[in-house]
Protein backbone atom coordinates (compact mmCIF):
# COMPACT_ATOMS: atom_id res chain seq x y z
CA MET A 1 63.76 15.44 157.01
CA PHE A 2 62.69 18.27 159.32
CA SER A 3 65.22 20.70 157.85
CA SER A 4 64.50 19.91 154.18
CA ASN A 5 61.89 21.59 152.01
CA PRO A 6 59.25 18.98 151.05
CA PHE A 7 58.24 21.05 148.03
CA ASP A 8 61.64 20.40 146.43
CA PHE A 9 60.15 17.01 145.53
CA LEU A 10 57.94 18.83 143.00
CA ALA A 11 60.90 20.30 141.11
CA GLY A 12 60.69 19.49 137.42
CA SER A 13 56.95 18.80 137.48
CA PHE A 14 54.14 21.03 136.24
CA ILE A 15 53.63 22.21 139.85
CA THR A 16 56.02 25.15 139.75
CA ASN A 17 56.54 27.69 142.50
CA ASP A 18 54.13 30.07 140.72
CA VAL A 19 51.46 27.37 140.76
CA MET A 20 52.00 26.79 144.49
CA GLN A 21 51.80 30.52 145.19
CA ALA A 22 48.56 30.78 143.21
CA TYR A 23 47.20 27.78 145.14
CA LEU A 24 47.97 29.36 148.53
CA ILE A 25 46.33 32.62 147.46
CA LEU A 26 43.28 30.63 146.36
CA MET A 27 43.12 28.93 149.78
CA VAL A 28 43.19 32.34 151.49
CA ILE A 29 40.30 33.43 149.24
CA PHE A 30 38.43 30.25 150.20
CA VAL A 31 38.86 31.02 153.89
CA ALA A 32 37.79 34.66 153.53
CA GLY A 33 34.86 33.84 151.25
CA GLY A 34 33.70 30.91 153.35
CA THR A 35 33.85 32.96 156.54
CA ILE A 36 31.91 35.85 154.98
CA LEU A 37 29.25 33.48 153.63
CA HIS A 38 29.07 31.74 157.01
CA VAL A 39 28.59 35.07 158.79
CA ALA A 40 25.89 36.06 156.29
CA LYS A 41 24.03 32.77 156.67
CA LYS A 42 24.20 32.61 160.47
CA GLN A 43 23.83 36.41 160.78
CA SER A 44 26.60 36.34 163.37
CA ALA A 45 27.60 39.99 162.88
CA ARG A 46 23.98 41.09 163.35
CA TYR A 47 23.68 38.93 166.47
CA PHE A 48 26.84 40.37 168.05
CA SER A 49 25.75 43.91 167.16
CA GLU A 50 22.27 43.48 168.65
CA MET A 51 23.63 41.81 171.77
CA ALA A 52 26.20 44.59 172.25
CA ALA A 53 23.45 47.24 171.97
CA LYS A 54 21.28 45.32 174.45
CA HIS A 55 24.16 45.03 176.91
CA ARG A 56 24.93 48.75 176.64
CA SER A 57 21.33 49.58 177.53
CA ASN A 58 21.56 47.37 180.64
CA ALA A 59 25.05 48.47 181.67
CA LYS A 60 25.56 49.64 185.25
CA ARG A 61 28.79 51.48 184.50
CA SER A 62 30.84 52.68 181.57
CA VAL A 63 33.92 50.67 180.58
CA GLY A 64 36.72 52.91 179.39
CA ALA A 65 39.00 52.37 176.41
CA GLY A 66 41.94 51.43 178.64
CA GLU A 67 39.92 48.79 180.48
CA LYS A 68 38.64 47.39 177.16
CA MET A 69 42.21 47.18 175.86
CA GLY A 70 43.17 45.31 179.03
CA ILE A 71 40.29 42.88 178.53
CA ALA A 72 41.28 42.34 174.90
CA ALA A 73 44.93 41.77 175.86
CA GLY A 74 43.88 39.27 178.54
CA ILE A 75 41.77 37.36 176.00
CA LEU A 76 44.66 37.26 173.51
CA VAL A 77 46.95 35.81 176.18
CA ASN A 78 44.60 33.49 178.08
CA GLU A 79 41.84 32.40 175.69
CA VAL A 80 43.76 32.62 172.41
CA ALA A 81 47.46 31.97 173.12
CA LEU A 82 47.10 29.57 176.07
CA ALA A 83 43.64 28.04 175.34
CA GLY A 84 42.73 28.95 178.91
CA GLU A 85 38.99 28.91 178.19
CA PHE A 86 38.94 25.14 178.65
CA CYS A 87 38.48 23.78 182.17
CA ASN A 88 39.44 20.30 180.99
CA LYS A 89 43.25 20.22 180.97
CA GLU A 90 43.35 17.52 178.30
CA ARG A 91 41.10 19.58 176.04
CA GLN A 92 43.26 22.63 176.72
CA ALA A 93 46.48 20.77 175.83
CA SER A 94 44.93 19.28 172.67
CA HIS A 95 43.65 22.67 171.53
CA PHE A 96 46.99 24.31 172.35
CA LEU A 97 48.93 21.80 170.23
CA SER A 98 46.45 21.96 167.34
CA MET A 99 46.20 25.76 167.27
CA TRP A 100 49.93 26.50 167.48
CA GLY A 101 50.71 23.60 165.18
CA PHE A 102 48.37 25.08 162.58
CA ILE A 103 49.94 28.53 162.96
CA LEU A 104 53.49 27.15 162.57
CA TYR A 105 52.38 25.02 159.60
CA CYS A 106 50.87 28.04 157.84
CA ILE A 107 53.93 30.21 158.51
CA GLY A 108 56.16 27.43 157.21
CA ASN A 109 54.14 27.24 153.99
CA VAL A 110 54.44 30.99 153.43
CA VAL A 111 58.20 31.00 154.11
CA LEU A 112 58.94 28.03 151.84
CA ILE A 113 56.67 29.04 148.96
CA PHE A 114 56.74 32.85 149.03
CA GLY A 115 60.13 33.31 150.69
CA ASP A 116 63.37 31.37 150.77
CA ALA A 117 62.81 27.82 149.54
CA THR A 118 66.10 26.76 151.15
CA SER A 119 65.18 28.12 154.57
CA ALA A 120 65.83 25.52 157.27
CA MET A 121 63.69 27.60 159.64
CA GLY A 122 60.71 27.44 157.25
CA ALA A 123 61.13 23.69 156.83
CA ASN A 124 61.33 23.16 160.59
CA LEU A 125 58.24 25.30 161.16
CA TRP A 126 56.35 23.30 158.52
CA HIS A 127 57.31 19.90 159.93
CA TRP A 128 57.00 20.69 163.63
CA GLY A 129 53.69 22.43 163.01
CA ALA A 130 52.37 19.40 161.14
CA LEU A 131 53.59 17.07 163.89
CA MET A 132 51.87 19.17 166.56
CA LEU A 133 48.69 19.06 164.47
CA VAL A 134 48.79 15.28 164.25
CA VAL A 135 49.37 14.87 168.00
CA GLY A 136 46.80 17.49 169.03
CA GLY A 137 44.20 16.33 166.50
CA ALA A 138 44.61 12.64 167.35
CA TRP A 139 44.49 13.45 171.06
CA PHE A 140 41.19 15.25 170.58
CA TRP A 141 39.68 12.72 168.17
CA PHE A 142 40.60 9.45 169.87
CA ARG A 143 40.77 10.55 173.51
CA ILE A 144 38.31 13.43 173.99
CA ARG A 145 35.70 13.40 171.25
CA VAL A 146 35.41 9.62 171.07
CA ASP A 147 33.79 8.84 174.41
CA VAL A 148 32.13 5.48 173.97
CA SER A 149 31.51 4.93 177.70
CA ALA A 150 29.75 8.26 178.32
CA GLU A 151 28.14 9.17 175.02
CA GLY A 152 28.45 6.15 172.75
CA THR A 153 30.48 8.16 170.22
CA LYS A 154 32.64 5.97 168.01
CA TRP A 155 35.76 7.16 166.20
CA TYR A 156 34.35 6.45 162.75
CA LYS A 157 31.08 8.33 163.27
CA LEU A 158 31.39 11.57 161.30
CA VAL A 159 29.10 14.60 161.12
CA GLU A 160 29.40 17.86 159.20
CA ALA A 161 31.00 19.62 162.16
CA ASP A 162 33.89 17.12 162.04
CA ILE A 163 35.10 18.26 158.60
CA PHE A 164 37.51 20.76 160.13
CA ILE A 165 39.32 18.56 162.66
CA VAL A 166 39.43 15.48 160.40
CA SER A 167 40.72 17.31 157.31
CA LEU A 168 43.19 19.25 159.48
CA MET A 169 44.58 16.09 161.06
CA LEU A 170 44.74 14.21 157.75
CA THR A 171 46.43 17.12 155.98
CA ALA A 172 49.21 17.14 158.57
CA LEU A 173 49.52 13.35 158.61
CA PHE A 174 49.64 12.96 154.82
CA GLY A 175 52.04 15.89 154.60
CA LEU A 176 54.49 14.32 157.04
CA ILE A 177 54.37 10.94 155.30
CA TRP A 178 54.82 12.60 151.91
CA SER A 179 57.76 14.65 153.20
CA SER A 180 59.45 11.57 154.69
CA GLN A 181 59.07 9.67 151.41
CA ALA A 182 60.19 12.63 149.31
CA ALA A 183 63.30 12.99 151.48
CA GLY A 184 64.24 9.33 151.90
CA GLN A 185 62.44 7.49 149.08
CA THR A 186 62.17 4.43 151.34
CA LEU A 187 59.04 3.13 149.61
CA GLY A 188 59.57 4.60 146.15
CA MET A 189 58.45 7.53 144.01
CA ASN A 190 54.91 6.22 143.50
CA VAL A 191 54.22 6.11 147.25
CA ALA A 192 55.51 9.66 147.68
CA THR A 193 53.28 10.81 144.80
CA LEU A 194 50.27 9.04 146.33
CA PHE A 195 50.68 10.78 149.68
CA PHE A 196 51.25 14.13 147.99
CA VAL A 197 47.93 13.71 146.16
CA LEU A 198 46.20 12.78 149.45
CA PHE A 199 47.89 15.76 151.12
CA ALA A 200 46.67 18.13 148.39
CA ILE A 201 43.11 16.77 148.52
CA SER A 202 42.78 16.97 152.31
CA ASN A 203 44.38 20.44 152.31
CA THR A 204 41.87 21.64 149.69
CA VAL A 205 38.98 20.17 151.69
CA LEU A 206 40.28 21.89 154.83
CA PHE A 207 40.33 25.37 153.31
CA GLY A 208 37.51 24.89 150.82
CA SER A 209 34.93 23.70 153.36
CA VAL A 210 35.03 26.74 155.66
CA PHE A 211 31.37 27.50 154.93
CA TRP A 212 30.30 24.10 156.31
CA SER A 213 33.00 23.34 158.89
CA LYS A 214 34.00 24.90 162.20
CA PHE A 215 37.02 26.64 160.68
CA SER A 216 35.42 30.07 160.96
CA HIS A 217 34.69 29.54 164.66
CA MET A 218 38.29 30.40 165.46
CA PHE A 219 37.46 33.97 164.43
CA PHE A 220 34.18 34.13 166.36
CA LYS A 221 35.31 32.73 169.70
CA PRO A 222 37.65 35.60 170.68
CA ALA A 223 34.89 38.09 169.78
CA ALA A 224 32.37 36.18 171.92
CA ALA A 225 34.83 36.00 174.83
CA TYR A 226 35.49 39.74 174.56
CA GLN A 227 31.78 40.57 174.56
CA LYS A 228 31.20 38.32 177.56
CA LYS A 229 33.96 39.94 179.64
CA VAL A 230 32.95 43.49 178.72
CA SER A 231 29.34 42.74 179.67
CA LYS A 232 30.55 41.41 183.01
CA ALA A 233 32.72 44.50 183.57
CA ASP A 234 29.92 46.98 182.78
CA GLY A 235 27.40 45.14 184.96
CA SER A 236 25.03 43.99 182.21
CA ASN A 237 26.40 40.45 182.72
CA LEU A 238 24.83 39.03 179.53
CA ASN A 239 21.39 39.79 181.01
CA LEU A 240 21.84 37.04 183.60
CA PRO A 241 20.38 37.47 187.10
CA ALA A 242 22.62 39.22 189.60
CA GLU A 243 24.53 37.17 192.14
CA TYR A 244 23.32 37.62 195.73
CA ASP A 245 24.66 36.68 199.13
CA LEU A 246 21.91 34.44 200.46
CA ALA A 247 22.88 35.18 204.07
CA ASP A 248 22.67 38.96 203.57
CA PRO A 249 19.67 40.58 205.36
CA ALA A 250 19.31 42.95 202.40
CA THR A 251 18.77 39.96 200.13
CA HIS A 252 16.14 38.62 202.54
CA ALA A 253 14.42 42.01 202.55
CA ARG A 254 14.36 42.07 198.75
CA TYR A 255 13.13 38.48 198.53
CA PRO A 256 10.96 37.88 201.63
CA ASP A 257 10.08 34.30 200.70
CA LEU A 258 13.75 33.24 200.58
CA PRO A 259 13.89 32.02 204.23
CA LEU A 260 10.77 29.96 203.56
CA TYR A 261 12.64 27.86 201.01
CA MET A 262 16.23 28.00 202.22
CA GLY A 263 16.09 29.00 205.90
CA THR A 264 17.32 32.15 207.59
CA ASN A 265 20.96 31.14 207.19
CA PRO A 266 21.21 29.28 203.85
CA PRO A 267 24.11 26.83 203.67
CA ASN A 268 26.94 27.21 201.22
CA MET A 269 25.69 25.34 198.17
CA GLY A 270 29.25 24.38 197.17
CA LYS A 271 30.78 24.25 193.72
CA GLY A 272 27.85 22.44 192.16
CA ILE A 273 28.74 21.18 188.69
CA ARG A 274 32.33 22.40 189.14
CA ALA A 275 32.83 19.93 191.98
CA ARG A 276 33.51 17.22 189.37
CA ALA A 277 36.25 17.87 186.89
CA ALA A 278 34.95 17.94 183.32
CA LYS A 279 36.26 15.09 181.22
CA ASN A 280 33.60 14.47 178.60
CA TYR A 281 33.29 16.14 175.22
């Protein structure tokens, strides 16, 4: 199954290769249009621009082009490629599987529909990507997001923000079932057709709901991470208070009432919230 093109099942129907190509192009338009409308509604571009200008005015030093390129490269490797932004290892693994599964799934679609329909590589990318999506999405939904003991969140409670992960997981799941039936016909042609219809619907919801879902956040998060690291490098530090050594006499001279509250030799306050590993959503 993994090396066969699931779209071969559509041969002889009205869904020709031209129709599938037009559909994929339409989904790309949906993503671009939904993201642009989302940015316009939330005024994200304006926010990032204003924050960048504010940080530049509070900067303690200038960050050169080479250093900025290094920061960007680090974000691409750590935050984007390895999902290193998550302290929770389970959340990191779930995000890693979902993100790379989605990338492989999309590449597989392009190869099979716009390239060589007989490509075993394209078919493997499509199937393995979908499988990674199912595992990563189910891991997040049933293990991380659904936290009945801590937050009372049940698996069937849906909100608008859940459109992305639910439609993504269902698209991959329906696609795998459809592909298995199209390849083996274990339950008959009607079952394969049913799961293809479900696959097409969930796929359309996934790409057509970008304006309402968290799909577009995947484009914003690297930009936010980059801005955060640049602001830390130039000293503006997102306009947060500076970090001081509480045992430093210079700090005591700057804040004379500090010993009154914390003593002349303040103890190490420890890791605080980081002392307990994060496990909740």
